[in-house]
Amino acid sequence: MTTTIAVKSETMDLLRHIKDELKAETFDETIMKLVLNMKKPRKSMFGSLKGFKKEFLREEIDRFS
């Protein structure tokens, strides 16, 4: 199944540029790569202090009683 979508010329120019960057053969492949990339969890979402070397000390005011 194929579908036609309307996009502005600026959007089409950008899509062509991204298609070249991604070395995609079709616009469908380009869009699929963009969508799948957006669905991946960001590396920064895995542990808020990942790689933090200093010892973490909580202030007394921040502690729950």
PDB file of N, CA and C in Angstrom:
ATOM      1  N   MET A   1       0.840  -1.177   0.000  1.00  0.00           N
ATOM      2  CA  MET A   1       0.000   0.000   0.000  1.00  0.00           C
ATOM      3  C   MET A   1       0.887   1.243   0.000  1.00  0.00           C
ATOM      4  N   THR A   2       0.551   2.204  -0.759  1.00  0.00           N
ATOM      5  CA  THR A   2       1.260   3.483  -0.774  1.00  0.00           C
ATOM      6  C   THR A   2       0.276   4.601  -0.477  1.00  0.00           C
ATOM      7  N   THR A   3       0.828   5.673   0.074  1.00  0.00           N
ATOM      8  CA  THR A   3       0.018   6.832   0.436  1.00  0.00           C
ATOM      9  C   THR A   3       0.761   8.086   0.004  1.00  0.00           C
ATOM     10  N   THR A   4       0.026   9.058  -0.444  1.00  0.00           N
ATOM     11  CA  THR A   4       0.608  10.343  -0.803  1.00  0.00           C
ATOM     12  C   THR A   4       0.339  11.315   0.338  1.00  0.00           C
ATOM     13  N   ILE A   5       1.395  12.035   0.737  1.00  0.00           N
ATOM     14  CA  ILE A   5       1.224  13.050   1.776  1.00  0.00           C
ATOM     15  C   ILE A   5       1.695  14.388   1.226  1.00  0.00           C
ATOM     16  N   ALA A   6       1.070  15.449   1.694  1.00  0.00           N
ATOM     17  CA  ALA A   6       1.431  16.794   1.262  1.00  0.00           C
ATOM     18  C   ALA A   6       2.388  17.405   2.285  1.00  0.00           C
ATOM     19  N   VAL A   7       3.515  17.900   1.808  1.00  0.00           N
ATOM     20  CA  VAL A   7       4.475  18.593   2.669  1.00  0.00           C
ATOM     21  C   VAL A   7       4.903  19.878   1.979  1.00  0.00           C
ATOM     22  N   LYS A   8       5.302  20.844   2.767  1.00  0.00           N
ATOM     23  CA  LYS A   8       5.793  22.106   2.212  1.00  0.00           C
ATOM     24  C   LYS A   8       7.128  21.862   1.511  1.00  0.00           C
ATOM     25  N   SER A   9       7.487  22.765   0.624  1.00  0.00           N
ATOM     26  CA  SER A   9       8.732  22.601  -0.127  1.00  0.00           C
ATOM     27  C   SER A   9       9.950  22.629   0.790  1.00  0.00           C
ATOM     28  N   GLU A  10       9.886  23.422   1.870  1.00  0.00           N
ATOM     29  CA  GLU A  10      10.996  23.456   2.825  1.00  0.00           C
ATOM     30  C   GLU A  10      11.164  22.101   3.514  1.00  0.00           C
ATOM     31  N   THR A  11      10.034  21.461   3.825  1.00  0.00           N
ATOM     32  CA  THR A  11      10.070  20.143   4.452  1.00  0.00           C
ATOM     33  C   THR A  11      10.643  19.115   3.486  1.00  0.00           C
ATOM     34  N   MET A  12      10.270  19.201   2.229  1.00  0.00           N
ATOM     35  CA  MET A  12      10.780  18.269   1.218  1.00  0.00           C
ATOM     36  C   MET A  12      12.274  18.449   1.035  1.00  0.00           C
ATOM     37  N   ASP A  13      12.745  19.694   1.027  1.00  0.00           N
ATOM     38  CA  ASP A  13      14.185  19.947   0.902  1.00  0.00           C
ATOM     39  C   ASP A  13      14.941  19.344   2.080  1.00  0.00           C
ATOM     40  N   LEU A  14      14.394  19.524   3.264  1.00  0.00           N
ATOM     41  CA  LEU A  14      15.016  18.963   4.455  1.00  0.00           C
ATOM     42  C   LEU A  14      15.012  17.436   4.408  1.00  0.00           C
ATOM     43  N   LEU A  15      13.917  16.860   3.973  1.00  0.00           N
ATOM     44  CA  LEU A  15      13.817  15.402   3.858  1.00  0.00           C
ATOM     45  C   LEU A  15      14.824  14.856   2.845  1.00  0.00           C
ATOM     46  N   ARG A  16      15.015  15.558   1.743  1.00  0.00           N
ATOM     47  CA  ARG A  16      16.025  15.147   0.752  1.00  0.00           C
ATOM     48  C   ARG A  16      17.430  15.172   1.368  1.00  0.00           C
ATOM     49  N   HIS A  17      17.700  16.227   2.115  1.00  0.00           N
ATOM     50  CA  HIS A  17      19.008  16.369   2.760  1.00  0.00           C
ATOM     51  C   HIS A  17      19.244  15.228   3.761  1.00  0.00           C
ATOM     52  N   ILE A  18      18.247  14.929   4.565  1.00  0.00           N
ATOM     53  CA  ILE A  18      18.360  13.857   5.556  1.00  0.00           C
ATOM     54  C   ILE A  18      18.489  12.503   4.855  1.00  0.00           C
ATOM     55  N   LYS A  19      17.778  12.316   3.769  1.00  0.00           N
ATOM     56  CA  LYS A  19      17.866  11.072   2.989  1.00  0.00           C
ATOM     57  C   LYS A  19      19.305  10.842   2.539  1.00  0.00           C
ATOM     58  N   ASP A  20      19.956  11.894   2.078  1.00  0.00           N
ATOM     59  CA  ASP A  20      21.358  11.786   1.662  1.00  0.00           C
ATOM     60  C   ASP A  20      22.265  11.476   2.853  1.00  0.00           C
ATOM     61  N   GLU A  21      22.031  12.153   3.975  1.00  0.00           N
ATOM     62  CA  GLU A  21      22.845  11.929   5.174  1.00  0.00           C
ATOM     63  C   GLU A  21      22.734  10.494   5.679  1.00  0.00           C
ATOM     64  N   LEU A  22      21.520   9.966   5.645  1.00  0.00           N
ATOM     65  CA  LEU A  22      21.286   8.610   6.139  1.00  0.00           C
ATOM     66  C   LEU A  22      21.627   7.539   5.102  1.00  0.00           C
ATOM     67  N   LYS A  23      21.954   7.985   3.890  1.00  0.00           N
ATOM     68  CA  LYS A  23      22.235   7.073   2.785  1.00  0.00           C
ATOM     69  C   LYS A  23      21.068   6.108   2.550  1.00  0.00           C
ATOM     70  N   ALA A  24      19.875   6.657   2.667  1.00  0.00           N
ATOM     71  CA  ALA A  24      18.659   5.876   2.437  1.00  0.00           C
ATOM     72  C   ALA A  24      18.349   5.868   0.944  1.00  0.00           C
ATOM     73  N   GLU A  25      17.758   4.773   0.489  1.00  0.00           N
ATOM     74  CA  GLU A  25      17.432   4.664  -0.928  1.00  0.00           C
ATOM     75  C   GLU A  25      16.101   5.321  -1.275  1.00  0.00           C
ATOM     76  N   THR A  26      15.182   5.345  -0.313  1.00  0.00           N
ATOM     77  CA  THR A  26      13.860   5.901  -0.576  1.00  0.00           C
ATOM     78  C   THR A  26      13.463   6.859   0.548  1.00  0.00           C
ATOM     79  N   PHE A  27      12.425   7.655   0.281  1.00  0.00           N
ATOM     80  CA  PHE A  27      11.898   8.532   1.324  1.00  0.00           C
ATOM     81  C   PHE A  27      11.212   7.699   2.407  1.00  0.00           C
ATOM     82  N   ASP A  28      10.611   6.581   2.012  1.00  0.00           N
ATOM     83  CA  ASP A  28       9.998   5.685   2.988  1.00  0.00           C
ATOM     84  C   ASP A  28      11.050   5.180   3.979  1.00  0.00           C
ATOM     85  N   GLU A  29      12.186   4.769   3.471  1.00  0.00           N
ATOM     86  CA  GLU A  29      13.285   4.299   4.336  1.00  0.00           C
ATOM     87  C   GLU A  29      13.776   5.433   5.235  1.00  0.00           C
ATOM     88  N   THR A  30      13.862   6.628   4.694  1.00  0.00           N
ATOM     89  CA  THR A  30      14.292   7.795   5.467  1.00  0.00           C
ATOM     90  C   THR A  30      13.337   8.066   6.627  1.00  0.00           C
ATOM     91  N   ILE A  31      12.060   8.090   6.330  1.00  0.00           N
ATOM     92  CA  ILE A  31      11.059   8.360   7.364  1.00  0.00           C
ATOM     93  C   ILE A  31      11.067   7.255   8.408  1.00  0.00           C
ATOM     94  N   MET A  32      11.195   6.001   7.963  1.00  0.00           N
ATOM     95  CA  MET A  32      11.219   4.877   8.892  1.00  0.00           C
ATOM     96  C   MET A  32      12.419   4.990   9.842  1.00  0.00           C
ATOM     97  N   LYS A  33      13.584   5.339   9.313  1.00  0.00           N
ATOM     98  CA  LYS A  33      14.772   5.504  10.152  1.00  0.00           C
ATOM     99  C   LYS A  33      14.582   6.636  11.161  1.00  0.00           C
ATOM    100  N   LEU A  34      13.992   7.724  10.730  1.00  0.00           N
ATOM    101  CA  LEU A  34      13.744   8.848  11.634  1.00  0.00           C
ATOM    102  C   LEU A  34      12.775   8.464  12.744  1.00  0.00           C
ATOM    103  N   VAL A  35      11.719   7.779  12.392  1.00  0.00           N
ATOM    104  CA  VAL A  35      10.711   7.379  13.376  1.00  0.00           C
ATOM    105  C   VAL A  35      11.304   6.383  14.369  1.00  0.00           C
ATOM    106  N   LEU A  36      12.021   5.387  13.875  1.00  0.00           N
ATOM    107  CA  LEU A  36      12.622   4.391  14.772  1.00  0.00           C
ATOM    108  C   LEU A  36      13.653   5.031  15.693  1.00  0.00           C
ATOM    109  N   ASN A  37      14.388   6.001  15.181  1.00  0.00           N
ATOM    110  CA  ASN A  37      15.375   6.705  16.004  1.00  0.00           C
ATOM    111  C   ASN A  37      14.691   7.486  17.124  1.00  0.00           C
ATOM    112  N   MET A  38      13.537   8.060  16.845  1.00  0.00           N
ATOM    113  CA  MET A  38      12.806   8.818  17.860  1.00  0.00           C
ATOM    114  C   MET A  38      12.222   7.906  18.941  1.00  0.00           C
ATOM    115  N   LYS A  39      11.960   6.655  18.608  1.00  0.00           N
ATOM    116  CA  LYS A  39      11.355   5.726  19.549  1.00  0.00           C
ATOM    117  C   LYS A  39      12.380   5.070  20.479  1.00  0.00           C
ATOM    118  N   LYS A  40      13.676   5.183  20.150  1.00  0.00           N
ATOM    119  CA  LYS A  40      14.718   4.593  20.993  1.00  0.00           C
ATOM    120  C   LYS A  40      14.853   5.388  22.285  1.00  0.00           C
ATOM    121  N   PRO A  41      15.053   4.695  23.409  1.00  0.00           N
ATOM    122  CA  PRO A  41      15.306   5.430  24.652  1.00  0.00           C
ATOM    123  C   PRO A  41      16.634   6.180  24.548  1.00  0.00           C
ATOM    124  N   ARG A  42      16.649   7.371  25.041  1.00  0.00           N
ATOM    125  CA  ARG A  42      17.878   8.166  25.027  1.00  0.00           C
ATOM    126  C   ARG A  42      18.868   7.609  26.030  1.00  0.00           C
ATOM    127  N   LYS A  43      20.141   7.663  25.703  1.00  0.00           N
ATOM    128  CA  LYS A  43      21.183   7.163  26.582  1.00  0.00           C
ATOM    129  C   LYS A  43      21.128   7.864  27.941  1.00  0.00           C
ATOM    130  N   SER A  44      20.779   9.126  27.931  1.00  0.00           N
ATOM    131  CA  SER A  44      20.738   9.905  29.160  1.00  0.00           C
ATOM    132  C   SER A  44      19.627   9.448  30.102  1.00  0.00           C
ATOM    133  N   MET A  45      18.702   8.623  29.626  1.00  0.00           N
ATOM    134  CA  MET A  45      17.607   8.172  30.461  1.00  0.00           C
ATOM    135  C   MET A  45      18.009   6.995  31.354  1.00  0.00           C
ATOM    136  N   PHE A  46      19.205   6.464  31.186  1.00  0.00           N
ATOM    137  CA  PHE A  46      19.646   5.318  31.944  1.00  0.00           C
ATOM    138  C   PHE A  46      20.538   5.764  33.092  1.00  0.00           C
ATOM    139  N   GLY A  47      19.950   6.029  34.227  1.00  0.00           N
ATOM    140  CA  GLY A  47      20.699   6.434  35.412  1.00  0.00           C
ATOM    141  C   GLY A  47      21.019   7.911  35.376  1.00  0.00           C
ATOM    142  N   SER A  48      20.403   8.655  36.249  1.00  0.00           N
ATOM    143  CA  SER A  48      20.582  10.100  36.218  1.00  0.00           C
ATOM    144  C   SER A  48      21.994  10.528  36.605  1.00  0.00           C
ATOM    145  N   LEU A  49      22.705   9.707  37.380  1.00  0.00           N
ATOM    146  CA  LEU A  49      24.073  10.055  37.785  1.00  0.00           C
ATOM    147  C   LEU A  49      25.091   9.077  37.220  1.00  0.00           C
ATOM    148  N   LYS A  50      24.753   8.430  36.117  1.00  0.00           N
ATOM    149  CA  LYS A  50      25.663   7.472  35.510  1.00  0.00           C
ATOM    150  C   LYS A  50      26.987   8.155  35.174  1.00  0.00           C
ATOM    151  N   GLY A  51      28.081   7.548  35.609  1.00  0.00           N
ATOM    152  CA  GLY A  51      29.404   8.099  35.340  1.00  0.00           C
ATOM    153  C   GLY A  51      29.835   9.155  36.330  1.00  0.00           C
ATOM    154  N   PHE A  52      28.992   9.444  37.305  1.00  0.00           N
ATOM    155  CA  PHE A  52      29.305  10.452  38.311  1.00  0.00           C
ATOM    156  C   PHE A  52      30.254   9.836  39.322  1.00  0.00           C
ATOM    157  N   LYS A  53      31.471  10.365  39.430  1.00  0.00           N
ATOM    158  CA  LYS A  53      32.512   9.767  40.255  1.00  0.00           C
ATOM    159  C   LYS A  53      32.483  10.220  41.708  1.00  0.00           C
ATOM    160  N   LYS A  54      32.024  11.429  41.957  1.00  0.00           N
ATOM    161  CA  LYS A  54      32.028  11.963  43.313  1.00  0.00           C
ATOM    162  C   LYS A  54      31.006  11.247  44.188  1.00  0.00           C
ATOM    163  N   GLU A  55      31.318  11.164  45.471  1.00  0.00           N
ATOM    164  CA  GLU A  55      30.375  10.595  46.412  1.00  0.00           C
ATOM    165  C   GLU A  55      29.190  11.536  46.542  1.00  0.00           C
ATOM    166  N   PHE A  56      28.006  10.976  46.522  1.00  0.00           N
ATOM    167  CA  PHE A  56      26.796  11.782  46.589  1.00  0.00           C
ATOM    168  C   PHE A  56      26.391  11.941  48.047  1.00  0.00           C
ATOM    169  N   LEU A  57      26.361  13.163  48.538  1.00  0.00           N
ATOM    170  CA  LEU A  57      25.951  13.441  49.915  1.00  0.00           C
ATOM    171  C   LEU A  57      24.685  14.275  49.883  1.00  0.00           C
ATOM    172  N   ARG A  58      23.695  13.820  50.606  1.00  0.00           N
ATOM    173  CA  ARG A  58      22.424  14.524  50.660  1.00  0.00           C
ATOM    174  C   ARG A  58      22.443  15.508  51.819  1.00  0.00           C
ATOM    175  N   GLU A  59      21.955  16.676  51.598  1.00  0.00           N
ATOM    176  CA  GLU A  59      21.875  17.679  52.651  1.00  0.00           C
ATOM    177  C   GLU A  59      20.831  17.261  53.674  1.00  0.00           C
ATOM    178  N   GLU A  60      21.025  17.675  54.922  1.00  0.00           N
ATOM    179  CA  GLU A  60      20.099  17.330  55.992  1.00  0.00           C
ATOM    180  C   GLU A  60      18.683  17.783  55.678  1.00  0.00           C
ATOM    181  N   ILE A  61      18.546  18.931  55.067  1.00  0.00           N
ATOM    182  CA  ILE A  61      17.218  19.476  54.762  1.00  0.00           C
ATOM    183  C   ILE A  61      16.493  18.635  53.702  1.00  0.00           C
ATOM    184  N   ASP A  62      17.254  17.933  52.870  1.00  0.00           N
ATOM    185  CA  ASP A  62      16.664  17.122  51.816  1.00  0.00           C
ATOM    186  C   ASP A  62      16.180  15.773  52.312  1.00  0.00           C
ATOM    187  N   ARG A  63      16.585  15.366  53.497  1.00  0.00           N
ATOM    188  CA  ARG A  63      16.230  14.042  54.015  1.00  0.00           C
ATOM    189  C   ARG A  63      14.803  14.030  54.536  1.00  0.00           C
ATOM    190  N   PHE A  64      14.149  12.916  54.327  1.00  0.00           N
ATOM    191  CA  PHE A  64      12.800  12.732  54.879  1.00  0.00           C
ATOM    192  C   PHE A  64      12.898  12.163  56.276  1.00  0.00           C
ATOM    193  N   SER A  65      12.073  12.605  57.175  1.00  0.00           N
ATOM    194  CA  SER A  65      12.092  12.096  58.562  1.00  0.00           C
ATOM    195  C   SER A  65      11.093  10.990  58.728  1.00  0.00           C
TER     196      SER A  65
END
